[in-house]
PDB file of N, CA and C in Angstrom:
ATOM      1  N   MET A   1     -14.390  14.891  -5.985  1.00  0.00           N
ATOM      2  CA  MET A   1     -13.205  14.141  -6.347  1.00  0.00           C
ATOM      3  C   MET A   1     -13.393  13.628  -7.776  1.00  0.00           C
ATOM      4  N   LYS A   2     -12.343  13.743  -8.559  1.00  0.00           N
ATOM      5  CA  LYS A   2     -12.405  13.234  -9.921  1.00  0.00           C
ATOM      6  C   LYS A   2     -12.629  11.731  -9.898  1.00  0.00           C
ATOM      7  N   LYS A   3     -13.402  11.258 -10.860  1.00  0.00           N
ATOM      8  CA  LYS A   3     -13.738   9.837 -10.891  1.00  0.00           C
ATOM      9  C   LYS A   3     -12.503   8.966 -11.035  1.00  0.00           C
ATOM     10  N   GLU A   4     -11.515   9.411 -11.779  1.00  0.00           N
ATOM     11  CA  GLU A   4     -10.295   8.610 -11.959  1.00  0.00           C
ATOM     12  C   GLU A   4      -9.580   8.402 -10.630  1.00  0.00           C
ATOM     13  N   VAL A   5      -9.498   9.458  -9.833  1.00  0.00           N
ATOM     14  CA  VAL A   5      -8.859   9.365  -8.520  1.00  0.00           C
ATOM     15  C   VAL A   5      -9.700   8.487  -7.597  1.00  0.00           C
ATOM     16  N   ALA A   6     -11.004   8.694  -7.624  1.00  0.00           N
ATOM     17  CA  ALA A   6     -11.900   7.893  -6.795  1.00  0.00           C
ATOM     18  C   ALA A   6     -11.770   6.406  -7.125  1.00  0.00           C
ATOM     19  N   THR A   7     -11.685   6.095  -8.398  1.00  0.00           N
ATOM     20  CA  THR A   7     -11.535   4.704  -8.824  1.00  0.00           C
ATOM     21  C   THR A   7     -10.245   4.103  -8.294  1.00  0.00           C
ATOM     22  N   GLU A   8      -9.162   4.835  -8.382  1.00  0.00           N
ATOM     23  CA  GLU A   8      -7.879   4.334  -7.880  1.00  0.00           C
ATOM     24  C   GLU A   8      -7.918   4.121  -6.372  1.00  0.00           C
ATOM     25  N   ILE A   9      -8.536   5.033  -5.665  1.00  0.00           N
ATOM     26  CA  ILE A   9      -8.613   4.902  -4.212  1.00  0.00           C
ATOM     27  C   ILE A   9      -9.454   3.695  -3.824  1.00  0.00           C
ATOM     28  N   VAL A  10     -10.588   3.524  -4.461  1.00  0.00           N
ATOM     29  CA  VAL A  10     -11.438   2.370  -4.155  1.00  0.00           C
ATOM     30  C   VAL A  10     -10.692   1.079  -4.474  1.00  0.00           C
ATOM     31  N   ASP A  11      -9.999   1.038  -5.587  1.00  0.00           N
ATOM     32  CA  ASP A  11      -9.211  -0.144  -5.929  1.00  0.00           C
ATOM     33  C   ASP A  11      -8.187  -0.454  -4.836  1.00  0.00           C
ATOM     34  N   LEU A  12      -7.518   0.584  -4.345  1.00  0.00           N
ATOM     35  CA  LEU A  12      -6.540   0.386  -3.275  1.00  0.00           C
ATOM     36  C   LEU A  12      -7.199  -0.101  -1.990  1.00  0.00           C
ATOM     37  N   MET A  13      -8.337   0.465  -1.635  1.00  0.00           N
ATOM     38  CA  MET A  13      -9.020   0.050  -0.413  1.00  0.00           C
ATOM     39  C   MET A  13      -9.458  -1.415  -0.511  1.00  0.00           C
ATOM     40  N   VAL A  14      -9.939  -1.828  -1.676  1.00  0.00           N
ATOM     41  CA  VAL A  14     -10.319  -3.232  -1.871  1.00  0.00           C
ATOM     42  C   VAL A  14      -9.086  -4.118  -1.753  1.00  0.00           C
ATOM     43  N   GLU A  15      -7.986  -3.688  -2.348  1.00  0.00           N
ATOM     44  CA  GLU A  15      -6.731  -4.449  -2.246  1.00  0.00           C
ATOM     45  C   GLU A  15      -6.269  -4.544  -0.794  1.00  0.00           C
ATOM     46  N   PHE A  16      -6.319  -3.418  -0.071  1.00  0.00           N
ATOM     47  CA  PHE A  16      -5.911  -3.430   1.332  1.00  0.00           C
ATOM     48  C   PHE A  16      -6.818  -4.354   2.153  1.00  0.00           C
ATOM     49  N   GLY A  17      -8.110  -4.342   1.872  1.00  0.00           N
ATOM     50  CA  GLY A  17      -9.035  -5.232   2.562  1.00  0.00           C
ATOM     51  C   GLY A  17      -8.701  -6.693   2.308  1.00  0.00           C
ATOM     52  N   ASP A  18      -8.393  -7.012   1.059  1.00  0.00           N
ATOM     53  CA  ASP A  18      -7.984  -8.383   0.729  1.00  0.00           C
ATOM     54  C   ASP A  18      -6.716  -8.768   1.481  1.00  0.00           C
ATOM     55  N   ARG A  19      -5.764  -7.855   1.530  1.00  0.00           N
ATOM     56  CA  ARG A  19      -4.508  -8.139   2.235  1.00  0.00           C
ATOM     57  C   ARG A  19      -4.746  -8.318   3.732  1.00  0.00           C
ATOM     58  N   LEU A  20      -5.619  -7.495   4.298  1.00  0.00           N
ATOM     59  CA  LEU A  20      -5.949  -7.658   5.718  1.00  0.00           C
ATOM     60  C   LEU A  20      -6.600  -9.018   5.965  1.00  0.00           C
ATOM     61  N   ASN A  21      -7.498  -9.430   5.075  1.00  0.00           N
ATOM     62  CA  ASN A  21      -8.103 -10.761   5.209  1.00  0.00           C
ATOM     63  C   ASN A  21      -7.045 -11.855   5.154  1.00  0.00           C
ATOM     64  N   GLN A  22      -6.091 -11.705   4.272  1.00  0.00           N
ATOM     65  CA  GLN A  22      -4.998 -12.672   4.182  1.00  0.00           C
ATOM     66  C   GLN A  22      -4.199 -12.708   5.484  1.00  0.00           C
ATOM     67  N   SER A  23      -3.969 -11.542   6.064  1.00  0.00           N
ATOM     68  CA  SER A  23      -3.195 -11.496   7.302  1.00  0.00           C
ATOM     69  C   SER A  23      -3.958 -12.161   8.445  1.00  0.00           C
ATOM     70  N   VAL A  24      -5.276 -12.006   8.481  1.00  0.00           N
ATOM     71  CA  VAL A  24      -6.077 -12.676   9.507  1.00  0.00           C
ATOM     72  C   VAL A  24      -5.966 -14.191   9.343  1.00  0.00           C
ATOM     73  N   ALA A  25      -5.998 -14.655   8.108  1.00  0.00           N
ATOM     74  CA  ALA A  25      -5.854 -16.095   7.865  1.00  0.00           C
ATOM     75  C   ALA A  25      -4.501 -16.595   8.344  1.00  0.00           C
ATOM     76  N   MET A  26      -3.457 -15.810   8.166  1.00  0.00           N
ATOM     77  CA  MET A  26      -2.127 -16.196   8.650  1.00  0.00           C
ATOM     78  C   MET A  26      -2.115 -16.304  10.167  1.00  0.00           C
ATOM     79  N   VAL A  27      -2.696 -15.329  10.824  1.00  0.00           N
ATOM     80  CA  VAL A  27      -2.737 -15.347  12.285  1.00  0.00           C
ATOM     81  C   VAL A  27      -3.575 -16.536  12.767  1.00  0.00           C
ATOM     82  N   GLN A  28      -4.681 -16.789  12.092  1.00  0.00           N
ATOM     83  CA  GLN A  28      -5.536 -17.910  12.470  1.00  0.00           C
ATOM     84  C   GLN A  28      -4.790 -19.229  12.368  1.00  0.00           C
ATOM     85  N   LYS A  29      -3.960 -19.342  11.363  1.00  0.00           N
ATOM     86  CA  LYS A  29      -3.221 -20.586  11.129  1.00  0.00           C
ATOM     87  C   LYS A  29      -2.091 -20.780  12.143  1.00  0.00           C
ATOM     88  N   ASP A  30      -1.391 -19.711  12.500  1.00  0.00           N
ATOM     89  CA  ASP A  30      -0.138 -19.841  13.236  1.00  0.00           C
ATOM     90  C   ASP A  30      -0.117 -19.264  14.643  1.00  0.00           C
ATOM     91  N   CYS A  31      -1.229 -18.722  15.123  1.00  0.00           N
ATOM     92  CA  CYS A  31      -1.214 -18.078  16.443  1.00  0.00           C
ATOM     93  C   CYS A  31      -2.299 -18.672  17.332  1.00  0.00           C
ATOM     94  N   SER A  32      -2.263 -18.275  18.582  1.00  0.00           N
ATOM     95  CA  SER A  32      -3.255 -18.765  19.536  1.00  0.00           C
ATOM     96  C   SER A  32      -4.616 -18.127  19.262  1.00  0.00           C
ATOM     97  N   GLU A  33      -5.640 -18.739  19.842  1.00  0.00           N
ATOM     98  CA  GLU A  33      -6.999 -18.204  19.700  1.00  0.00           C
ATOM     99  C   GLU A  33      -7.090 -16.799  20.289  1.00  0.00           C
ATOM    100  N   ASP A  34      -6.440 -16.570  21.413  1.00  0.00           N
ATOM    101  CA  ASP A  34      -6.448 -15.230  22.025  1.00  0.00           C
ATOM    102  C   ASP A  34      -5.804 -14.200  21.109  1.00  0.00           C
ATOM    103  N   GLU A  35      -4.682 -14.563  20.509  1.00  0.00           N
ATOM    104  CA  GLU A  35      -4.015 -13.648  19.574  1.00  0.00           C
ATOM    105  C   GLU A  35      -4.893 -13.380  18.356  1.00  0.00           C
ATOM    106  N   LEU A  36      -5.562 -14.415  17.885  1.00  0.00           N
ATOM    107  CA  LEU A  36      -6.451 -14.255  16.734  1.00  0.00           C
ATOM    108  C   LEU A  36      -7.588 -13.292  17.041  1.00  0.00           C
ATOM    109  N   VAL A  37      -8.190 -13.437  18.205  1.00  0.00           N
ATOM    110  CA  VAL A  37      -9.304 -12.562  18.572  1.00  0.00           C
ATOM    111  C   VAL A  37      -8.866 -11.101  18.580  1.00  0.00           C
ATOM    112  N   VAL A  38      -7.732 -10.834  19.184  1.00  0.00           N
ATOM    113  CA  VAL A  38      -7.222  -9.459  19.255  1.00  0.00           C
ATOM    114  C   VAL A  38      -6.886  -8.942  17.857  1.00  0.00           C
ATOM    115  N   TYR A  39      -6.199  -9.755  17.081  1.00  0.00           N
ATOM    116  CA  TYR A  39      -5.775  -9.338  15.745  1.00  0.00           C
ATOM    117  C   TYR A  39      -6.975  -9.131  14.825  1.00  0.00           C
ATOM    118  N   ARG A  40      -7.914 -10.067  14.856  1.00  0.00           N
ATOM    119  CA  ARG A  40      -9.085  -9.954  13.985  1.00  0.00           C
ATOM    120  C   ARG A  40      -9.897  -8.707  14.324  1.00  0.00           C
ATOM    121  N   ARG A  41      -9.995  -8.385  15.607  1.00  0.00           N
ATOM    122  CA  ARG A  41     -10.716  -7.176  16.016  1.00  0.00           C
ATOM    123  C   ARG A  41     -10.022  -5.930  15.458  1.00  0.00           C
ATOM    124  N   ALA A  42      -8.700  -5.887  15.560  1.00  0.00           N
ATOM    125  CA  ALA A  42      -7.950  -4.732  15.047  1.00  0.00           C
ATOM    126  C   ALA A  42      -8.090  -4.623  13.532  1.00  0.00           C
ATOM    127  N   ALA A  43      -7.980  -5.748  12.835  1.00  0.00           N
ATOM    128  CA  ALA A  43      -8.128  -5.736  11.372  1.00  0.00           C
ATOM    129  C   ALA A  43      -9.535  -5.300  10.985  1.00  0.00           C
ATOM    130  N   GLY A  44     -10.524  -5.758  11.726  1.00  0.00           N
ATOM    131  CA  GLY A  44     -11.902  -5.363  11.456  1.00  0.00           C
ATOM    132  C   GLY A  44     -12.126  -3.873  11.639  1.00  0.00           C
ATOM    133  N   LYS A  45     -11.492  -3.303  12.652  1.00  0.00           N
ATOM    134  CA  LYS A  45     -11.602  -1.849  12.855  1.00  0.00           C
ATOM    135  C   LYS A  45     -11.017  -1.098  11.671  1.00  0.00           C
ATOM    136  N   LEU A  46      -9.859  -1.559  11.183  1.00  0.00           N
ATOM    137  CA  LEU A  46      -9.260  -0.916  10.013  1.00  0.00           C
ATOM    138  C   LEU A  46     -10.172  -1.013   8.799  1.00  0.00           C
ATOM    139  N   MET A  47     -10.723  -2.196   8.585  1.00  0.00           N
ATOM    140  CA  MET A  47     -11.594  -2.379   7.433  1.00  0.00           C
ATOM    141  C   MET A  47     -12.865  -1.539   7.555  1.00  0.00           C
ATOM    142  N   GLY A  48     -13.396  -1.448   8.752  1.00  0.00           N
ATOM    143  CA  GLY A  48     -14.567  -0.608   8.969  1.00  0.00           C
ATOM    144  C   GLY A  48     -14.275   0.862   8.705  1.00  0.00           C
ATOM    145  N   THR A  49     -13.125   1.312   9.164  1.00  0.00           N
ATOM    146  CA  THR A  49     -12.722   2.697   8.924  1.00  0.00           C
ATOM    147  C   THR A  49     -12.547   2.963   7.431  1.00  0.00           C
ATOM    148  N   MET A  50     -11.923   2.026   6.741  1.00  0.00           N
ATOM    149  CA  MET A  50     -11.744   2.198   5.290  1.00  0.00           C
ATOM    150  C   MET A  50     -13.097   2.319   4.594  1.00  0.00           C
ATOM    151  N   LEU A  51     -14.053   1.480   4.997  1.00  0.00           N
ATOM    152  CA  LEU A  51     -15.365   1.514   4.363  1.00  0.00           C
ATOM    153  C   LEU A  51     -16.128   2.782   4.728  1.00  0.00           C
ATOM    154  N   LEU A  52     -16.237   3.056   6.021  1.00  0.00           N
ATOM    155  CA  LEU A  52     -17.070   4.163   6.476  1.00  0.00           C
ATOM    156  C   LEU A  52     -16.494   5.539   6.158  1.00  0.00           C
ATOM    157  N   ASP A  53     -15.200   5.696   6.343  1.00  0.00           N
ATOM    158  CA  ASP A  53     -14.600   7.026   6.238  1.00  0.00           C
ATOM    159  C   ASP A  53     -13.981   7.329   4.871  1.00  0.00           C
ATOM    160  N   ILE A  54     -13.666   6.299   4.109  1.00  0.00           N
ATOM    161  CA  ILE A  54     -13.023   6.523   2.814  1.00  0.00           C
ATOM    162  C   ILE A  54     -13.934   6.111   1.663  1.00  0.00           C
ATOM    163  N   MET A  55     -14.382   4.861   1.690  1.00  0.00           N
ATOM    164  CA  MET A  55     -15.120   4.356   0.538  1.00  0.00           C
ATOM    165  C   MET A  55     -16.552   4.879   0.458  1.00  0.00           C
ATOM    166  N   ASN A  56     -17.285   4.875   1.552  1.00  0.00           N
ATOM    167  CA  ASN A  56     -18.675   5.336   1.489  1.00  0.00           C
ATOM    168  C   ASN A  56     -18.811   6.772   0.997  1.00  0.00           C
ATOM    169  N   PRO A  57     -17.961   7.721   1.443  1.00  0.00           N
ATOM    170  CA  PRO A  57     -18.060   9.062   0.876  1.00  0.00           C
ATOM    171  C   PRO A  57     -17.795   9.084  -0.637  1.00  0.00           C
ATOM    172  N   ILE A  58     -16.884   8.244  -1.085  1.00  0.00           N
ATOM    173  CA  ILE A  58     -16.633   8.160  -2.526  1.00  0.00           C
ATOM    174  C   ILE A  58     -17.862   7.587  -3.225  1.00  0.00           C
ATOM    175  N   PHE A  59     -18.477   6.543  -2.640  1.00  0.00           N
ATOM    176  CA  PHE A  59     -19.660   5.941  -3.251  1.00  0.00           C
ATOM    177  C   PHE A  59     -20.837   6.911  -3.268  1.00  0.00           C
ATOM    178  N   ASP A  60     -20.899   7.794  -2.273  1.00  0.00           N
ATOM    179  CA  ASP A  60     -21.955   8.811  -2.279  1.00  0.00           C
ATOM    180  C   ASP A  60     -21.805   9.723  -3.493  1.00  0.00           C
ATOM    181  N   GLU A  61     -20.572  10.046  -3.817  1.00  0.00           N
ATOM    182  CA  GLU A  61     -20.299  10.943  -4.949  1.00  0.00           C
ATOM    183  C   GLU A  61     -20.310  10.195  -6.277  1.00  0.00           C
ATOM    184  N   HIS A  62     -19.865   8.943  -6.257  1.00  0.00           N
ATOM    185  CA  HIS A  62     -19.768   8.127  -7.480  1.00  0.00           C
ATOM    186  C   HIS A  62     -20.411   6.762  -7.216  1.00  0.00           C
ATOM    187  N   PRO A  63     -21.742   6.695  -7.150  1.00  0.00           N
ATOM    188  CA  PRO A  63     -22.408   5.445  -6.784  1.00  0.00           C
ATOM    189  C   PRO A  63     -22.117   4.285  -7.738  1.00  0.00           C
ATOM    190  N   ASP A  64     -21.793   4.583  -8.952  1.00  0.00           N
ATOM    191  CA  ASP A  64     -21.503   3.518  -9.913  1.00  0.00           C
ATOM    192  C   ASP A  64     -20.240   2.740  -9.550  1.00  0.00           C
ATOM    193  N   LEU A  65     -19.352   3.325  -8.774  1.00  0.00           N
ATOM    194  CA  LEU A  65     -18.123   2.632  -8.375  1.00  0.00           C
ATOM    195  C   LEU A  65     -18.403   1.513  -7.375  1.00  0.00           C
ATOM    196  N   LYS A  66     -19.443   1.665  -6.587  1.00  0.00           N
ATOM    197  CA  LYS A  66     -19.755   0.653  -5.581  1.00  0.00           C
ATOM    198  C   LYS A  66     -20.130  -0.671  -6.242  1.00  0.00           C
ATOM    199  N   SER A  67     -20.956  -0.617  -7.224  1.00  0.00           N
ATOM    200  CA  SER A  67     -21.418  -1.857  -7.853  1.00  0.00           C
ATOM    201  C   SER A  67     -20.281  -2.593  -8.559  1.00  0.00           C
ATOM    202  N   ASP A  68     -19.266  -1.866  -8.979  1.00  0.00           N
ATOM    203  CA  ASP A  68     -18.137  -2.486  -9.671  1.00  0.00           C
ATOM    204  C   ASP A  68     -17.244  -3.287  -8.728  1.00  0.00           C
ATOM    205  N   ARG A  69     -17.261  -2.986  -7.427  1.00  0.00           N
ATOM    206  CA  ARG A  69     -16.247  -3.549  -6.546  1.00  0.00           C
ATOM    207  C   ARG A  69     -16.759  -4.317  -5.338  1.00  0.00           C
ATOM    208  N   LEU A  70     -17.963  -4.067  -4.913  1.00  0.00           N
ATOM    209  CA  LEU A  70     -18.389  -4.636  -3.641  1.00  0.00           C
ATOM    210  C   LEU A  70     -19.614  -5.546  -3.739  1.00  0.00           C
ATOM    211  N   GLU A  71     -20.010  -5.927  -4.891  1.00  0.00           N
ATOM    212  CA  GLU A  71     -21.186  -6.802  -4.999  1.00  0.00           C
ATOM    213  C   GLU A  71     -20.786  -8.175  -5.423  1.00  0.00           C
TER     214      GLU A  71
END
């Protein structure tokens, strides 16, 4: 994958992760504990998939991108 494309994808994944974190905070503030547990688990699965299946393969090919965004 071209580095320019990889950079854009990683940027998007980081943005999506931030947005998911924001959504968990909203649920935590306005929903029941049971709803929060279910929602947080689902959001965590999405974030794990983004990291394992999208970002890590990019970092394997372009290791310098990891240090720019996740440290």
